[in-house]
């Protein structure tokens, strides 16, 4: 179980969001072609989020080796995400769940209404569009972050077979 209603094995809620370049990205675009690692993060330009997304950037080749797309999702605007990506050299899609505010985070049961953004959470969606793994980590430190990225990578590799 990933939340109150989403379960591992369920079809992942589809969405279309704009990336940091203003291009539409739909989860269903990857169905039948790639697994997708969805990484919800609270806010661009914050310490933990910067560390997490930079960690993904540094290990991106490990994920792409397994025919996987990595998508970062926050409630920041497209413009903030573009600035964040440029400042940190993030070379993977960052998607804006800005409006309707947090709708995708709500569909994945990770929206925190008190903070106005998603809780730090990751999902692996297999090529068939099914949820295969999830983890929710409010505030990983450096060691936890590296462990989290190793677990995410292992989950992606496992669900591509």
N, C-alpha and C. Protein backbone atom coordinates (compact mmCIF):
# COMPACT_ATOMS: atom_id res chain seq x y z
N UNK A 1 0.84 -1.18 0.00
CA UNK A 1 0.00 0.00 0.00
C UNK A 1 0.89 1.24 0.00
N UNK A 2 0.56 2.23 -0.83
CA UNK A 2 1.36 3.45 -0.87
C UNK A 2 0.73 4.58 -0.09
N UNK A 3 -0.55 4.54 0.10
CA UNK A 3 -1.29 5.57 0.82
C UNK A 3 -2.62 4.97 1.22
N UNK A 4 -3.64 5.78 1.42
CA UNK A 4 -4.94 5.25 1.81
C UNK A 4 -5.62 4.46 0.70
N UNK A 5 -5.37 4.82 -0.56
CA UNK A 5 -6.08 4.16 -1.64
C UNK A 5 -5.20 3.53 -2.70
N UNK A 6 -4.00 4.05 -2.91
CA UNK A 6 -3.10 3.51 -3.92
C UNK A 6 -2.38 2.29 -3.38
N UNK A 7 -2.34 1.24 -4.18
CA UNK A 7 -1.64 0.02 -3.78
C UNK A 7 -0.61 -0.35 -4.85
N UNK A 8 0.46 -0.98 -4.41
CA UNK A 8 1.44 -1.52 -5.35
C UNK A 8 0.70 -2.50 -6.24
N UNK A 9 0.92 -2.36 -7.54
CA UNK A 9 0.23 -3.19 -8.52
C UNK A 9 -0.91 -2.45 -9.20
N UNK A 10 -1.39 -1.36 -8.59
CA UNK A 10 -2.44 -0.55 -9.20
C UNK A 10 -1.89 0.19 -10.42
N UNK A 11 -2.80 0.55 -11.31
CA UNK A 11 -2.41 1.42 -12.41
C UNK A 11 -2.06 2.78 -11.84
N UNK A 12 -0.94 3.32 -12.27
CA UNK A 12 -0.50 4.64 -11.78
C UNK A 12 -1.43 5.71 -12.34
N UNK A 13 -1.84 6.67 -11.50
CA UNK A 13 -2.66 7.77 -12.02
C UNK A 13 -1.92 8.52 -13.14
N UNK A 14 -2.58 8.64 -14.28
CA UNK A 14 -1.96 9.34 -15.40
C UNK A 14 -2.03 10.84 -15.15
N UNK A 15 -1.15 11.57 -15.81
CA UNK A 15 -1.13 13.02 -15.70
C UNK A 15 -0.43 13.61 -16.90
N UNK A 16 -0.67 14.87 -17.12
CA UNK A 16 0.09 15.69 -18.07
C UNK A 16 0.47 16.96 -17.33
N UNK A 17 1.76 17.21 -17.25
CA UNK A 17 2.29 18.41 -16.60
C UNK A 17 3.31 19.05 -17.52
N UNK A 18 3.59 20.32 -17.28
CA UNK A 18 4.61 21.02 -18.06
C UNK A 18 5.97 20.89 -17.38
N UNK A 19 6.98 20.69 -18.22
CA UNK A 19 8.34 20.61 -17.69
C UNK A 19 8.95 22.01 -17.59
N UNK A 20 10.21 22.06 -17.20
CA UNK A 20 10.88 23.34 -16.98
C UNK A 20 11.03 24.16 -18.26
N UNK A 21 10.76 23.55 -19.42
CA UNK A 21 10.82 24.27 -20.70
C UNK A 21 9.44 24.59 -21.24
N UNK A 22 8.40 24.28 -20.46
CA UNK A 22 7.04 24.56 -20.89
C UNK A 22 6.44 23.50 -21.79
N UNK A 23 7.10 22.35 -21.93
CA UNK A 23 6.62 21.26 -22.77
C UNK A 23 5.75 20.31 -21.96
N UNK A 24 4.66 19.84 -22.54
CA UNK A 24 3.80 18.87 -21.86
C UNK A 24 4.48 17.51 -21.80
N UNK A 25 4.41 16.90 -20.63
CA UNK A 25 4.92 15.54 -20.42
C UNK A 25 3.78 14.76 -19.78
N UNK A 26 3.43 13.63 -20.39
CA UNK A 26 2.37 12.77 -19.86
C UNK A 26 2.98 11.44 -19.43
N UNK A 27 2.54 10.94 -18.30
CA UNK A 27 3.02 9.63 -17.85
C UNK A 27 2.71 8.57 -18.90
N UNK A 28 1.54 8.64 -19.50
CA UNK A 28 1.14 7.62 -20.48
C UNK A 28 2.03 7.61 -21.73
N UNK A 29 2.79 8.68 -21.97
CA UNK A 29 3.72 8.71 -23.11
C UNK A 29 4.79 7.63 -23.00
N UNK A 30 5.07 7.16 -21.78
CA UNK A 30 6.14 6.19 -21.56
C UNK A 30 5.64 4.74 -21.54
N UNK A 31 4.33 4.58 -21.49
CA UNK A 31 3.73 3.24 -21.40
C UNK A 31 4.19 2.38 -22.58
N UNK A 32 4.62 1.17 -22.26
CA UNK A 32 5.08 0.24 -23.28
C UNK A 32 6.51 0.47 -23.72
N UNK A 33 7.13 1.58 -23.29
CA UNK A 33 8.49 1.92 -23.73
C UNK A 33 9.51 1.98 -22.61
N UNK A 34 9.11 2.62 -21.50
CA UNK A 34 10.06 2.87 -20.42
C UNK A 34 9.38 2.74 -19.07
N UNK A 35 10.16 2.36 -18.08
CA UNK A 35 9.72 2.50 -16.69
C UNK A 35 9.94 3.97 -16.32
N UNK A 36 9.24 4.43 -15.30
CA UNK A 36 9.36 5.82 -14.88
C UNK A 36 9.60 5.87 -13.38
N UNK A 37 10.62 6.61 -13.00
CA UNK A 37 10.86 6.91 -11.59
C UNK A 37 10.29 8.30 -11.33
N UNK A 38 9.21 8.36 -10.55
CA UNK A 38 8.59 9.63 -10.18
C UNK A 38 9.15 10.07 -8.84
N UNK A 39 9.67 11.28 -8.78
CA UNK A 39 10.24 11.79 -7.55
C UNK A 39 9.55 13.10 -7.18
N UNK A 40 8.63 13.02 -6.23
CA UNK A 40 7.97 14.22 -5.73
C UNK A 40 8.91 14.89 -4.73
N UNK A 41 9.10 16.21 -4.88
CA UNK A 41 9.94 16.95 -3.94
C UNK A 41 9.22 18.24 -3.56
N UNK A 42 9.36 18.67 -2.29
CA UNK A 42 8.57 19.81 -1.80
C UNK A 42 8.81 21.13 -2.54
N UNK A 43 10.05 21.61 -2.58
CA UNK A 43 10.29 22.94 -3.13
C UNK A 43 11.67 23.06 -3.75
N UNK A 44 11.73 23.69 -4.92
CA UNK A 44 13.01 24.01 -5.55
C UNK A 44 13.80 24.97 -4.66
N UNK A 45 15.10 24.91 -4.77
CA UNK A 45 16.03 25.82 -4.10
C UNK A 45 16.08 25.66 -2.58
N UNK A 46 15.55 24.58 -2.05
CA UNK A 46 15.70 24.32 -0.62
C UNK A 46 16.82 23.30 -0.46
N UNK A 47 17.44 23.28 0.70
CA UNK A 47 18.65 22.48 0.92
C UNK A 47 18.48 21.01 0.61
N UNK A 48 17.49 20.36 1.20
CA UNK A 48 17.32 18.92 1.02
C UNK A 48 16.92 18.62 -0.42
N UNK A 49 16.01 19.41 -0.98
CA UNK A 49 15.56 19.17 -2.36
C UNK A 49 16.70 19.36 -3.35
N UNK A 50 17.53 20.37 -3.12
CA UNK A 50 18.69 20.59 -3.99
C UNK A 50 19.62 19.39 -3.90
N UNK A 51 19.87 18.90 -2.69
CA UNK A 51 20.73 17.72 -2.53
C UNK A 51 20.15 16.50 -3.21
N UNK A 52 18.84 16.30 -3.05
CA UNK A 52 18.20 15.13 -3.65
C UNK A 52 18.25 15.18 -5.18
N UNK A 53 17.86 16.31 -5.76
CA UNK A 53 17.85 16.41 -7.22
C UNK A 53 19.27 16.39 -7.79
N UNK A 54 20.24 16.96 -7.06
CA UNK A 54 21.62 16.89 -7.51
C UNK A 54 22.14 15.45 -7.45
N UNK A 55 21.71 14.71 -6.44
CA UNK A 55 22.07 13.29 -6.35
C UNK A 55 21.53 12.50 -7.52
N UNK A 56 20.31 12.81 -7.94
CA UNK A 56 19.74 12.16 -9.12
C UNK A 56 20.56 12.54 -10.35
N UNK A 57 20.87 13.82 -10.49
CA UNK A 57 21.68 14.28 -11.63
C UNK A 57 22.99 13.50 -11.70
N UNK A 58 23.65 13.34 -10.54
CA UNK A 58 24.94 12.67 -10.51
C UNK A 58 24.86 11.18 -10.83
N UNK A 59 23.68 10.58 -10.64
CA UNK A 59 23.52 9.14 -10.88
C UNK A 59 22.58 8.86 -12.06
N UNK A 60 22.25 9.88 -12.84
CA UNK A 60 21.26 9.73 -13.89
C UNK A 60 21.63 8.63 -14.88
N UNK A 61 22.91 8.50 -15.21
CA UNK A 61 23.31 7.47 -16.17
C UNK A 61 22.97 6.07 -15.67
N UNK A 62 22.94 5.86 -14.35
CA UNK A 62 22.57 4.55 -13.82
C UNK A 62 21.11 4.24 -14.13
N UNK A 63 20.25 5.22 -14.05
CA UNK A 63 18.83 5.02 -14.32
C UNK A 63 18.58 4.86 -15.82
N UNK A 64 19.21 5.68 -16.62
CA UNK A 64 18.97 5.63 -18.06
C UNK A 64 19.47 4.34 -18.68
N UNK A 65 20.45 3.70 -18.06
CA UNK A 65 20.96 2.41 -18.52
C UNK A 65 19.84 1.39 -18.58
N UNK A 66 18.87 1.51 -17.71
CA UNK A 66 17.79 0.54 -17.62
C UNK A 66 16.52 1.01 -18.32
N UNK A 67 16.66 1.88 -19.33
CA UNK A 67 15.51 2.35 -20.08
C UNK A 67 14.43 2.93 -19.17
N UNK A 68 14.85 3.84 -18.36
CA UNK A 68 13.96 4.47 -17.39
C UNK A 68 13.98 5.98 -17.59
N UNK A 69 12.83 6.58 -17.41
CA UNK A 69 12.73 8.04 -17.39
C UNK A 69 12.64 8.47 -15.94
N UNK A 70 13.36 9.50 -15.57
CA UNK A 70 13.28 10.08 -14.23
C UNK A 70 12.54 11.40 -14.34
N UNK A 71 11.48 11.55 -13.55
CA UNK A 71 10.69 12.78 -13.56
C UNK A 71 10.61 13.34 -12.14
N UNK A 72 11.09 14.56 -11.95
CA UNK A 72 10.93 15.26 -10.69
C UNK A 72 9.64 16.06 -10.74
N UNK A 73 8.87 16.06 -9.65
CA UNK A 73 7.58 16.76 -9.62
C UNK A 73 7.48 17.60 -8.35
N UNK A 74 7.16 18.88 -8.52
CA UNK A 74 6.89 19.76 -7.38
C UNK A 74 5.76 20.71 -7.75
N UNK A 75 5.31 21.47 -6.80
CA UNK A 75 4.26 22.46 -7.05
C UNK A 75 4.84 23.82 -7.40
N UNK A 76 6.14 23.88 -7.65
CA UNK A 76 6.76 25.13 -8.09
C UNK A 76 6.28 25.47 -9.50
N UNK A 77 6.37 26.73 -9.87
CA UNK A 77 6.01 27.14 -11.23
C UNK A 77 7.05 26.64 -12.22
N UNK A 78 6.66 26.60 -13.49
CA UNK A 78 7.57 26.21 -14.56
C UNK A 78 8.81 27.10 -14.52
N UNK A 79 8.62 28.39 -14.25
CA UNK A 79 9.73 29.35 -14.27
C UNK A 79 10.71 29.10 -13.14
N UNK A 80 10.19 28.78 -11.96
CA UNK A 80 11.07 28.45 -10.83
C UNK A 80 11.83 27.17 -11.12
N UNK A 81 11.16 26.19 -11.71
CA UNK A 81 11.82 24.92 -12.02
C UNK A 81 12.91 25.10 -13.08
N UNK A 82 12.66 25.99 -14.04
CA UNK A 82 13.68 26.24 -15.06
C UNK A 82 14.91 26.88 -14.42
N UNK A 83 14.71 27.85 -13.55
CA UNK A 83 15.83 28.49 -12.86
C UNK A 83 16.58 27.48 -11.99
N UNK A 84 15.83 26.65 -11.30
CA UNK A 84 16.41 25.60 -10.44
C UNK A 84 17.25 24.64 -11.28
N UNK A 85 16.70 24.17 -12.39
CA UNK A 85 17.42 23.23 -13.26
C UNK A 85 18.70 23.86 -13.79
N UNK A 86 18.62 25.10 -14.22
CA UNK A 86 19.81 25.79 -14.75
C UNK A 86 20.85 26.00 -13.67
N UNK A 87 20.42 26.43 -12.48
CA UNK A 87 21.36 26.70 -11.39
C UNK A 87 22.07 25.44 -10.92
N UNK A 88 21.36 24.31 -10.95
CA UNK A 88 21.94 23.06 -10.42
C UNK A 88 22.39 22.09 -11.50
N UNK A 89 22.25 22.46 -12.76
CA UNK A 89 22.65 21.58 -13.86
C UNK A 89 21.82 20.31 -13.92
N UNK A 90 20.53 20.42 -13.63
CA UNK A 90 19.64 19.26 -13.63
C UNK A 90 19.19 18.98 -15.06
N UNK A 91 19.58 17.84 -15.58
CA UNK A 91 19.35 17.52 -16.99
C UNK A 91 18.31 16.41 -17.17
N UNK A 92 17.26 16.49 -16.39
CA UNK A 92 16.13 15.58 -16.53
C UNK A 92 14.87 16.41 -16.29
N UNK A 93 13.71 15.94 -16.72
CA UNK A 93 12.50 16.74 -16.62
C UNK A 93 12.08 17.02 -15.17
N UNK A 94 11.81 18.29 -14.91
CA UNK A 94 11.20 18.73 -13.65
C UNK A 94 9.81 19.22 -14.02
N UNK A 95 8.80 18.61 -13.42
CA UNK A 95 7.42 18.90 -13.81
C UNK A 95 6.73 19.77 -12.78
N UNK A 96 5.95 20.73 -13.28
CA UNK A 96 5.24 21.68 -12.44
C UNK A 96 3.81 21.23 -12.19
N UNK A 97 3.52 20.93 -10.93
CA UNK A 97 2.17 20.57 -10.49
C UNK A 97 1.51 21.81 -9.87
N UNK A 98 1.79 22.96 -10.50
CA UNK A 98 1.39 24.26 -9.96
C UNK A 98 -0.11 24.50 -10.04
N UNK A 99 -0.72 24.15 -11.20
CA UNK A 99 -2.15 24.42 -11.34
C UNK A 99 -2.81 23.37 -12.20
N UNK A 100 -3.96 22.80 -11.79
CA UNK A 100 -4.55 23.06 -10.48
C UNK A 100 -3.58 22.60 -9.38
N UNK A 101 -3.44 23.46 -8.41
CA UNK A 101 -2.37 23.33 -7.42
C UNK A 101 -2.33 21.97 -6.74
N UNK A 102 -1.27 21.23 -7.03
CA UNK A 102 -1.04 19.95 -6.36
C UNK A 102 -1.96 18.81 -6.79
N UNK A 103 -2.61 18.92 -7.93
CA UNK A 103 -3.58 17.89 -8.34
C UNK A 103 -2.91 16.53 -8.52
N UNK A 104 -1.72 16.49 -9.09
CA UNK A 104 -1.04 15.21 -9.30
C UNK A 104 -0.54 14.67 -7.96
N UNK A 105 0.02 15.54 -7.13
CA UNK A 105 0.45 15.11 -5.79
C UNK A 105 -0.74 14.55 -5.01
N UNK A 106 -1.90 15.16 -5.17
CA UNK A 106 -3.10 14.64 -4.50
C UNK A 106 -3.48 13.27 -5.05
N UNK A 107 -3.39 13.09 -6.36
CA UNK A 107 -3.73 11.80 -6.97
C UNK A 107 -2.81 10.69 -6.46
N UNK A 108 -1.56 11.05 -6.15
CA UNK A 108 -0.59 10.09 -5.62
C UNK A 108 -0.56 10.08 -4.09
N UNK A 109 -1.48 10.82 -3.49
CA UNK A 109 -1.67 10.84 -2.04
C UNK A 109 -0.45 11.35 -1.28
N UNK A 110 0.26 12.33 -1.86
CA UNK A 110 1.44 12.87 -1.20
C UNK A 110 1.37 14.39 -1.00
N UNK A 111 0.23 15.00 -1.30
CA UNK A 111 0.11 16.45 -1.14
C UNK A 111 -0.05 16.79 0.33
N UNK A 112 0.72 17.76 0.79
CA UNK A 112 0.65 18.25 2.16
C UNK A 112 -0.02 19.62 2.13
N UNK A 113 -1.30 19.71 2.47
CA UNK A 113 -2.01 20.99 2.37
C UNK A 113 -1.46 22.06 3.32
N UNK A 114 -0.89 21.65 4.42
CA UNK A 114 -0.33 22.63 5.37
C UNK A 114 0.89 23.34 4.78
N UNK A 115 1.67 22.63 3.96
CA UNK A 115 2.86 23.21 3.36
C UNK A 115 2.63 23.70 1.93
N UNK A 116 1.55 23.22 1.31
CA UNK A 116 1.24 23.65 -0.05
C UNK A 116 2.06 22.96 -1.12
N UNK A 117 2.60 21.80 -0.80
CA UNK A 117 3.40 21.07 -1.78
C UNK A 117 3.43 19.60 -1.44
N UNK A 118 4.10 18.82 -2.28
CA UNK A 118 4.14 17.38 -2.03
C UNK A 118 5.10 17.02 -0.90
N UNK A 119 4.80 15.91 -0.24
CA UNK A 119 5.78 15.31 0.67
C UNK A 119 6.81 14.61 -0.20
N UNK A 120 8.03 14.52 0.30
CA UNK A 120 9.10 13.86 -0.44
C UNK A 120 8.75 12.38 -0.60
N UNK A 121 8.50 11.96 -1.83
CA UNK A 121 8.07 10.59 -2.10
C UNK A 121 8.56 10.17 -3.48
N UNK A 122 8.83 8.88 -3.62
CA UNK A 122 9.26 8.34 -4.91
C UNK A 122 8.45 7.11 -5.25
N UNK A 123 8.21 6.94 -6.54
CA UNK A 123 7.48 5.80 -7.06
C UNK A 123 8.22 5.24 -8.26
N UNK A 124 8.10 3.94 -8.47
CA UNK A 124 8.52 3.33 -9.72
C UNK A 124 7.26 2.85 -10.42
N UNK A 125 7.10 3.29 -11.66
CA UNK A 125 5.99 2.87 -12.51
C UNK A 125 6.60 2.01 -13.61
N UNK A 126 6.11 0.77 -13.75
CA UNK A 126 6.69 -0.12 -14.76
C UNK A 126 6.22 0.25 -16.16
N UNK A 127 6.74 -0.46 -17.15
CA UNK A 127 6.41 -0.16 -18.54
C UNK A 127 4.93 -0.33 -18.85
N UNK A 128 4.23 -1.12 -18.04
CA UNK A 128 2.80 -1.33 -18.24
C UNK A 128 1.96 -0.27 -17.53
N UNK A 129 2.62 0.69 -16.87
CA UNK A 129 1.90 1.76 -16.19
C UNK A 129 1.41 1.40 -14.80
N UNK A 130 2.01 0.39 -14.18
CA UNK A 130 1.60 -0.06 -12.85
C UNK A 130 2.61 0.39 -11.80
N UNK A 131 2.08 0.76 -10.62
CA UNK A 131 2.95 1.13 -9.49
C UNK A 131 3.63 -0.13 -8.99
N UNK A 132 4.96 -0.10 -8.90
CA UNK A 132 5.71 -1.27 -8.47
C UNK A 132 6.52 -1.06 -7.20
N UNK A 133 6.70 0.19 -6.77
CA UNK A 133 7.52 0.47 -5.59
C UNK A 133 7.24 1.89 -5.16
N UNK A 134 7.29 2.13 -3.87
CA UNK A 134 7.17 3.51 -3.39
C UNK A 134 7.91 3.64 -2.07
N UNK A 135 8.32 4.86 -1.79
CA UNK A 135 8.93 5.19 -0.50
C UNK A 135 8.61 6.65 -0.20
N UNK A 136 8.41 6.94 1.06
CA UNK A 136 8.08 8.29 1.49
C UNK A 136 9.08 8.67 2.59
N UNK A 137 9.84 9.73 2.35
CA UNK A 137 10.90 10.13 3.26
C UNK A 137 10.85 11.65 3.43
N UNK A 138 10.45 12.07 4.60
CA UNK A 138 10.21 13.49 4.84
C UNK A 138 11.46 14.36 4.69
N UNK A 139 12.60 13.93 5.19
CA UNK A 139 13.74 14.81 5.21
C UNK A 139 15.04 14.02 5.30
N UNK A 140 15.47 13.38 4.21
CA UNK A 140 16.66 12.55 4.29
C UNK A 140 17.93 13.38 4.47
N UNK A 141 18.84 12.88 5.30
CA UNK A 141 20.15 13.52 5.37
C UNK A 141 21.02 12.92 4.26
N UNK A 142 22.27 13.30 4.18
CA UNK A 142 23.14 12.84 3.10
C UNK A 142 23.24 11.33 2.99
N UNK A 143 23.41 10.64 4.11
CA UNK A 143 23.53 9.18 4.10
C UNK A 143 22.22 8.55 3.67
N UNK A 144 21.12 9.04 4.22
CA UNK A 144 19.81 8.51 3.86
C UNK A 144 19.51 8.76 2.39
N UNK A 145 19.92 9.90 1.87
CA UNK A 145 19.67 10.24 0.48
C UNK A 145 20.39 9.26 -0.43
N UNK A 146 21.65 8.98 -0.15
CA UNK A 146 22.39 8.04 -0.98
C UNK A 146 21.75 6.65 -0.92
N UNK A 147 21.33 6.25 0.26
CA UNK A 147 20.65 4.96 0.42
C UNK A 147 19.34 4.96 -0.35
N UNK A 148 18.60 6.06 -0.28
CA UNK A 148 17.33 6.19 -1.00
C UNK A 148 17.56 6.04 -2.50
N UNK A 149 18.58 6.69 -3.05
CA UNK A 149 18.84 6.61 -4.48
C UNK A 149 19.27 5.21 -4.88
N UNK A 150 20.03 4.52 -4.03
CA UNK A 150 20.40 3.13 -4.30
C UNK A 150 19.16 2.24 -4.33
N UNK A 151 18.25 2.44 -3.36
CA UNK A 151 17.01 1.65 -3.32
C UNK A 151 16.14 1.94 -4.54
N UNK A 152 16.03 3.20 -4.92
CA UNK A 152 15.25 3.57 -6.09
C UNK A 152 15.83 2.90 -7.34
N UNK A 153 17.14 2.96 -7.48
CA UNK A 153 17.81 2.34 -8.62
C UNK A 153 17.57 0.83 -8.64
N UNK A 154 17.69 0.18 -7.50
CA UNK A 154 17.44 -1.27 -7.42
C UNK A 154 16.00 -1.60 -7.77
N UNK A 155 15.05 -0.78 -7.32
CA UNK A 155 13.63 -1.01 -7.62
C UNK A 155 13.38 -0.86 -9.11
N UNK A 156 13.98 0.13 -9.72
CA UNK A 156 13.82 0.33 -11.16
C UNK A 156 14.38 -0.89 -11.90
N UNK A 157 15.58 -1.31 -11.53
CA UNK A 157 16.20 -2.45 -12.21
C UNK A 157 15.35 -3.71 -12.05
N UNK A 158 14.82 -3.93 -10.87
CA UNK A 158 14.02 -5.12 -10.60
C UNK A 158 12.74 -5.15 -11.44
N UNK A 159 12.13 -4.00 -11.66
CA UNK A 159 10.84 -3.98 -12.34
C UNK A 159 10.93 -3.75 -13.84
N UNK A 160 12.14 -3.83 -14.36
CA UNK A 160 12.31 -3.77 -15.81
C UNK A 160 12.43 -5.16 -16.42
N UNK A 161 12.60 -6.15 -15.61
CA UNK A 161 12.78 -7.51 -16.13
C UNK A 161 11.48 -8.09 -16.59
